[in-house]
Amino acid sequence: MRLTEFWERMDQHLGAGYARTWAREQVLADLGERTVLQALEAGWDTKDVWRAVWRALELPPSER
């Protein structure tokens, strides 16, 4: 998954105005107690980060 697709999905589910804030503020256990932005900056694969977001937001299987 490209980073642009990742952010499109984030915007779709959280809204363009809130997605970046959520990514900066929300710490996820699945990301080793990091935020989305911290995980991406640390070099985590966007697919892995998306899966953690998907679980945290309890999105339907079709969004995985």
PDB file of N, CA and C in Angstrom:
ATOM      1  N   MET A   1       0.843  -1.169   0.000  1.00  0.00           N
ATOM      2  CA  MET A   1       0.000   0.000   0.000  1.00  0.00           C
ATOM      3  C   MET A   1       0.892   1.237   0.000  1.00  0.00           C
ATOM      4  N   ARG A   2       0.601   2.137  -0.901  1.00  0.00           N
ATOM      5  CA  ARG A   2       1.349   3.395  -0.949  1.00  0.00           C
ATOM      6  C   ARG A   2       0.870   4.319   0.163  1.00  0.00           C
ATOM      7  N   LEU A   3       1.734   5.224   0.527  1.00  0.00           N
ATOM      8  CA  LEU A   3       1.412   6.175   1.583  1.00  0.00           C
ATOM      9  C   LEU A   3       0.206   7.032   1.201  1.00  0.00           C
ATOM     10  N   THR A   4       0.091   7.380  -0.069  1.00  0.00           N
ATOM     11  CA  THR A   4      -1.057   8.190  -0.503  1.00  0.00           C
ATOM     12  C   THR A   4      -2.363   7.427  -0.310  1.00  0.00           C
ATOM     13  N   GLU A   5      -2.359   6.131  -0.606  1.00  0.00           N
ATOM     14  CA  GLU A   5      -3.562   5.327  -0.400  1.00  0.00           C
ATOM     15  C   GLU A   5      -3.883   5.221   1.091  1.00  0.00           C
ATOM     16  N   PHE A   6      -2.848   5.076   1.911  1.00  0.00           N
ATOM     17  CA  PHE A   6      -3.042   5.017   3.353  1.00  0.00           C
ATOM     18  C   PHE A   6      -3.773   6.265   3.841  1.00  0.00           C
ATOM     19  N   TRP A   7      -3.285   7.447   3.437  1.00  0.00           N
ATOM     20  CA  TRP A   7      -3.910   8.695   3.890  1.00  0.00           C
ATOM     21  C   TRP A   7      -5.304   8.882   3.303  1.00  0.00           C
ATOM     22  N   GLU A   8      -5.535   8.397   2.105  1.00  0.00           N
ATOM     23  CA  GLU A   8      -6.890   8.449   1.534  1.00  0.00           C
ATOM     24  C   GLU A   8      -7.848   7.632   2.388  1.00  0.00           C
ATOM     25  N   ARG A   9      -7.419   6.459   2.809  1.00  0.00           N
ATOM     26  CA  ARG A   9      -8.255   5.615   3.672  1.00  0.00           C
ATOM     27  C   ARG A   9      -8.493   6.277   5.030  1.00  0.00           C
ATOM     28  N   MET A  10      -7.431   6.858   5.584  1.00  0.00           N
ATOM     29  CA  MET A  10      -7.577   7.561   6.868  1.00  0.00           C
ATOM     30  C   MET A  10      -8.598   8.691   6.733  1.00  0.00           C
ATOM     31  N   ASP A  11      -8.475   9.494   5.674  1.00  0.00           N
ATOM     32  CA  ASP A  11      -9.405  10.595   5.441  1.00  0.00           C
ATOM     33  C   ASP A  11     -10.828  10.086   5.257  1.00  0.00           C
ATOM     34  N   GLN A  12     -10.974   8.981   4.562  1.00  0.00           N
ATOM     35  CA  GLN A  12     -12.297   8.412   4.305  1.00  0.00           C
ATOM     36  C   GLN A  12     -12.981   8.013   5.605  1.00  0.00           C
ATOM     37  N   HIS A  13     -12.240   7.440   6.525  1.00  0.00           N
ATOM     38  CA  HIS A  13     -12.846   6.903   7.744  1.00  0.00           C
ATOM     39  C   HIS A  13     -12.886   7.890   8.906  1.00  0.00           C
ATOM     40  N   LEU A  14     -11.978   8.840   8.907  1.00  0.00           N
ATOM     41  CA  LEU A  14     -11.935   9.783  10.030  1.00  0.00           C
ATOM     42  C   LEU A  14     -12.238  11.222   9.623  1.00  0.00           C
ATOM     43  N   GLY A  15     -12.264  11.464   8.334  1.00  0.00           N
ATOM     44  CA  GLY A  15     -12.468  12.822   7.851  1.00  0.00           C
ATOM     45  C   GLY A  15     -11.128  13.497   7.634  1.00  0.00           C
ATOM     46  N   ALA A  16     -11.056  14.291   6.583  1.00  0.00           N
ATOM     47  CA  ALA A  16      -9.793  14.928   6.220  1.00  0.00           C
ATOM     48  C   ALA A  16      -9.275  15.853   7.315  1.00  0.00           C
ATOM     49  N   GLY A  17     -10.161  16.467   8.047  1.00  0.00           N
ATOM     50  CA  GLY A  17      -9.739  17.384   9.098  1.00  0.00           C
ATOM     51  C   GLY A  17      -9.250  16.703  10.359  1.00  0.00           C
ATOM     52  N   TYR A  18      -9.680  15.475  10.591  1.00  0.00           N
ATOM     53  CA  TYR A  18      -9.364  14.796  11.843  1.00  0.00           C
ATOM     54  C   TYR A  18      -8.318  13.691  11.694  1.00  0.00           C
ATOM     55  N   ALA A  19      -8.149  13.156  10.515  1.00  0.00           N
ATOM     56  CA  ALA A  19      -7.272  11.995  10.307  1.00  0.00           C
ATOM     57  C   ALA A  19      -5.844  12.255  10.764  1.00  0.00           C
ATOM     58  N   ARG A  20      -5.289  13.380  10.415  1.00  0.00           N
ATOM     59  CA  ARG A  20      -3.907  13.681  10.798  1.00  0.00           C
ATOM     60  C   ARG A  20      -3.777  13.904  12.308  1.00  0.00           C
ATOM     61  N   THR A  21      -4.777  14.526  12.895  1.00  0.00           N
ATOM     62  CA  THR A  21      -4.765  14.725  14.349  1.00  0.00           C
ATOM     63  C   THR A  21      -4.816  13.384  15.060  1.00  0.00           C
ATOM     64  N   TRP A  22      -5.708  12.521  14.622  1.00  0.00           N
ATOM     65  CA  TRP A  22      -5.835  11.194  15.222  1.00  0.00           C
ATOM     66  C   TRP A  22      -4.527  10.433  15.081  1.00  0.00           C
ATOM     67  N   ALA A  23      -3.919  10.519  13.904  1.00  0.00           N
ATOM     68  CA  ALA A  23      -2.659   9.817  13.631  1.00  0.00           C
ATOM     69  C   ALA A  23      -1.526  10.340  14.505  1.00  0.00           C
ATOM     70  N   ARG A  24      -1.600  11.587  14.871  1.00  0.00           N
ATOM     71  CA  ARG A  24      -0.562  12.208  15.696  1.00  0.00           C
ATOM     72  C   ARG A  24      -0.789  11.948  17.188  1.00  0.00           C
ATOM     73  N   GLU A  25      -2.050  11.790  17.601  1.00  0.00           N
ATOM     74  CA  GLU A  25      -2.389  11.739  19.025  1.00  0.00           C
ATOM     75  C   GLU A  25      -2.669  10.333  19.568  1.00  0.00           C
ATOM     76  N   GLN A  26      -3.258   9.469  18.757  1.00  0.00           N
ATOM     77  CA  GLN A  26      -3.728   8.170  19.236  1.00  0.00           C
ATOM     78  C   GLN A  26      -2.592   7.154  19.293  1.00  0.00           C
ATOM     79  N   VAL A  27      -2.284   6.668  20.476  1.00  0.00           N
ATOM     80  CA  VAL A  27      -1.250   5.648  20.666  1.00  0.00           C
ATOM     81  C   VAL A  27      -1.915   4.277  20.526  1.00  0.00           C
ATOM     82  N   LEU A  28      -1.312   3.425  19.716  1.00  0.00           N
ATOM     83  CA  LEU A  28      -1.877   2.098  19.457  1.00  0.00           C
ATOM     84  C   LEU A  28      -0.939   1.005  19.970  1.00  0.00           C
ATOM     85  N   ALA A  29      -1.492   0.101  20.746  1.00  0.00           N
ATOM     86  CA  ALA A  29      -0.700  -1.015  21.273  1.00  0.00           C
ATOM     87  C   ALA A  29      -0.126  -1.855  20.137  1.00  0.00           C
ATOM     88  N   ASP A  30      -0.898  -2.032  19.063  1.00  0.00           N
ATOM     89  CA  ASP A  30      -0.452  -2.840  17.927  1.00  0.00           C
ATOM     90  C   ASP A  30       0.754  -2.230  17.207  1.00  0.00           C
ATOM     91  N   LEU A  31       1.031  -0.980  17.496  1.00  0.00           N
ATOM     92  CA  LEU A  31       2.185  -0.308  16.891  1.00  0.00           C
ATOM     93  C   LEU A  31       3.302  -0.148  17.913  1.00  0.00           C
ATOM     94  N   GLY A  32       3.286  -0.983  18.925  1.00  0.00           N
ATOM     95  CA  GLY A  32       4.332  -0.919  19.941  1.00  0.00           C
ATOM     96  C   GLY A  32       4.235   0.333  20.791  1.00  0.00           C
ATOM     97  N   GLU A  33       2.989   0.719  21.091  1.00  0.00           N
ATOM     98  CA  GLU A  33       2.727   1.927  21.893  1.00  0.00           C
ATOM     99  C   GLU A  33       3.230   3.194  21.201  1.00  0.00           C
ATOM    100  N   ARG A  34       3.079   3.193  19.882  1.00  0.00           N
ATOM    101  CA  ARG A  34       3.421   4.369  19.075  1.00  0.00           C
ATOM    102  C   ARG A  34       2.146   4.945  18.476  1.00  0.00           C
ATOM    103  N   THR A  35       2.253   6.177  18.020  1.00  0.00           N
ATOM    104  CA  THR A  35       1.174   6.746  17.221  1.00  0.00           C
ATOM    105  C   THR A  35       1.378   6.300  15.776  1.00  0.00           C
ATOM    106  N   VAL A  36       0.384   6.534  14.960  1.00  0.00           N
ATOM    107  CA  VAL A  36       0.496   6.216  13.537  1.00  0.00           C
ATOM    108  C   VAL A  36       1.676   6.973  12.925  1.00  0.00           C
ATOM    109  N   LEU A  37       1.768   8.251  13.209  1.00  0.00           N
ATOM    110  CA  LEU A  37       2.868   9.040  12.638  1.00  0.00           C
ATOM    111  C   LEU A  37       4.221   8.547  13.113  1.00  0.00           C
ATOM    112  N   GLN A  38       4.340   8.203  14.379  1.00  0.00           N
ATOM    113  CA  GLN A  38       5.608   7.682  14.889  1.00  0.00           C
ATOM    114  C   GLN A  38       5.979   6.377  14.198  1.00  0.00           C
ATOM    115  N   ALA A  39       5.004   5.506  14.001  1.00  0.00           N
ATOM    116  CA  ALA A  39       5.273   4.230  13.334  1.00  0.00           C
ATOM    117  C   ALA A  39       5.717   4.453  11.884  1.00  0.00           C
ATOM    118  N   LEU A  40       5.033   5.333  11.187  1.00  0.00           N
ATOM    119  CA  LEU A  40       5.409   5.614   9.803  1.00  0.00           C
ATOM    120  C   LEU A  40       6.803   6.236   9.736  1.00  0.00           C
ATOM    121  N   GLU A  41       7.087   7.160  10.634  1.00  0.00           N
ATOM    122  CA  GLU A  41       8.409   7.802  10.657  1.00  0.00           C
ATOM    123  C   GLU A  41       9.510   6.808  11.019  1.00  0.00           C
ATOM    124  N   ALA A  42       9.155   5.777  11.792  1.00  0.00           N
ATOM    125  CA  ALA A  42      10.134   4.757  12.183  1.00  0.00           C
ATOM    126  C   ALA A  42      10.337   3.712  11.086  1.00  0.00           C
ATOM    127  N   GLY A  43       9.590   3.834   9.993  1.00  0.00           N
ATOM    128  CA  GLY A  43       9.782   2.931   8.866  1.00  0.00           C
ATOM    129  C   GLY A  43       8.850   1.739   8.813  1.00  0.00           C
ATOM    130  N   TRP A  44       7.804   1.740   9.630  1.00  0.00           N
ATOM    131  CA  TRP A  44       6.846   0.643   9.567  1.00  0.00           C
ATOM    132  C   TRP A  44       6.197   0.615   8.195  1.00  0.00           C
ATOM    133  N   ASP A  45       5.893  -0.573   7.726  1.00  0.00           N
ATOM    134  CA  ASP A  45       5.192  -0.748   6.463  1.00  0.00           C
ATOM    135  C   ASP A  45       3.779  -0.175   6.593  1.00  0.00           C
ATOM    136  N   THR A  46       3.332   0.541   5.571  1.00  0.00           N
ATOM    137  CA  THR A  46       2.009   1.160   5.640  1.00  0.00           C
ATOM    138  C   THR A  46       0.895   0.120   5.777  1.00  0.00           C
ATOM    139  N   LYS A  47       1.081  -1.062   5.204  1.00  0.00           N
ATOM    140  CA  LYS A  47       0.066  -2.116   5.358  1.00  0.00           C
ATOM    141  C   LYS A  47      -0.081  -2.514   6.817  1.00  0.00           C
ATOM    142  N   ASP A  48       1.028  -2.649   7.512  1.00  0.00           N
ATOM    143  CA  ASP A  48       0.989  -3.017   8.920  1.00  0.00           C
ATOM    144  C   ASP A  48       0.359  -1.918   9.763  1.00  0.00           C
ATOM    145  N   VAL A  49       0.685  -0.678   9.438  1.00  0.00           N
ATOM    146  CA  VAL A  49       0.096   0.441  10.167  1.00  0.00           C
ATOM    147  C   VAL A  49      -1.403   0.488   9.896  1.00  0.00           C
ATOM    148  N   TRP A  50      -1.800   0.291   8.634  1.00  0.00           N
ATOM    149  CA  TRP A  50      -3.226   0.309   8.309  1.00  0.00           C
ATOM    150  C   TRP A  50      -3.964  -0.798   9.069  1.00  0.00           C
ATOM    151  N   ARG A  51      -3.383  -1.972   9.147  1.00  0.00           N
ATOM    152  CA  ARG A  51      -4.037  -3.067   9.873  1.00  0.00           C
ATOM    153  C   ARG A  51      -4.251  -2.695  11.336  1.00  0.00           C
ATOM    154  N   ALA A  52      -3.284  -2.021  11.935  1.00  0.00           N
ATOM    155  CA  ALA A  52      -3.427  -1.575  13.324  1.00  0.00           C
ATOM    156  C   ALA A  52      -4.546  -0.540  13.442  1.00  0.00           C
ATOM    157  N   VAL A  53      -4.612   0.380  12.491  1.00  0.00           N
ATOM    158  CA  VAL A  53      -5.687   1.381  12.475  1.00  0.00           C
ATOM    159  C   VAL A  53      -7.019   0.682  12.283  1.00  0.00           C
ATOM    160  N   TRP A  54      -7.080  -0.242  11.352  1.00  0.00           N
ATOM    161  CA  TRP A  54      -8.302  -0.992  11.053  1.00  0.00           C
ATOM    162  C   TRP A  54      -8.832  -1.673  12.318  1.00  0.00           C
ATOM    163  N   ARG A  55      -7.943  -2.299  13.074  1.00  0.00           N
ATOM    164  CA  ARG A  55      -8.371  -2.955  14.328  1.00  0.00           C
ATOM    165  C   ARG A  55      -8.815  -1.922  15.359  1.00  0.00           C
ATOM    166  N   ALA A  56      -8.075  -0.849  15.486  1.00  0.00           N
ATOM    167  CA  ALA A  56      -8.400   0.172  16.485  1.00  0.00           C
ATOM    168  C   ALA A  56      -9.750   0.828  16.209  1.00  0.00           C
ATOM    169  N   LEU A  57     -10.053   1.045  14.943  1.00  0.00           N
ATOM    170  CA  LEU A  57     -11.316   1.682  14.569  1.00  0.00           C
ATOM    171  C   LEU A  57     -12.462   0.692  14.430  1.00  0.00           C
ATOM    172  N   GLU A  58     -12.130  -0.592  14.559  1.00  0.00           N
ATOM    173  CA  GLU A  58     -13.125  -1.665  14.430  1.00  0.00           C
ATOM    174  C   GLU A  58     -13.898  -1.542  13.114  1.00  0.00           C
ATOM    175  N   LEU A  59     -13.120  -1.404  12.037  1.00  0.00           N
ATOM    176  CA  LEU A  59     -13.714  -1.289  10.708  1.00  0.00           C
ATOM    177  C   LEU A  59     -14.140  -2.656  10.197  1.00  0.00           C
ATOM    178  N   PRO A  60     -15.061  -2.710   9.251  1.00  0.00           N
ATOM    179  CA  PRO A  60     -15.508  -3.993   8.723  1.00  0.00           C
ATOM    180  C   PRO A  60     -14.410  -4.702   7.940  1.00  0.00           C
ATOM    181  N   PRO A  61     -14.507  -6.032   7.824  1.00  0.00           N
ATOM    182  CA  PRO A  61     -13.499  -6.809   7.103  1.00  0.00           C
ATOM    183  C   PRO A  61     -13.263  -6.310   5.670  1.00  0.00           C
ATOM    184  N   SER A  62     -14.258  -5.772   5.042  1.00  0.00           N
ATOM    185  CA  SER A  62     -14.109  -5.291   3.666  1.00  0.00           C
ATOM    186  C   SER A  62     -13.140  -4.119   3.557  1.00  0.00           C
ATOM    187  N   GLU A  63     -12.834  -3.458   4.659  1.00  0.00           N
ATOM    188  CA  GLU A  63     -11.941  -2.304   4.656  1.00  0.00           C
ATOM    189  C   GLU A  63     -10.492  -2.676   4.953  1.00  0.00           C
ATOM    190  N   ARG A  64     -10.265  -3.938   5.215  1.00  0.00           N
ATOM    191  CA  ARG A  64      -8.922  -4.380   5.571  1.00  0.00           C
ATOM    192  C   ARG A  64      -8.019  -4.302   4.386  1.00  0.00           C
TER     193      ARG A  64
END
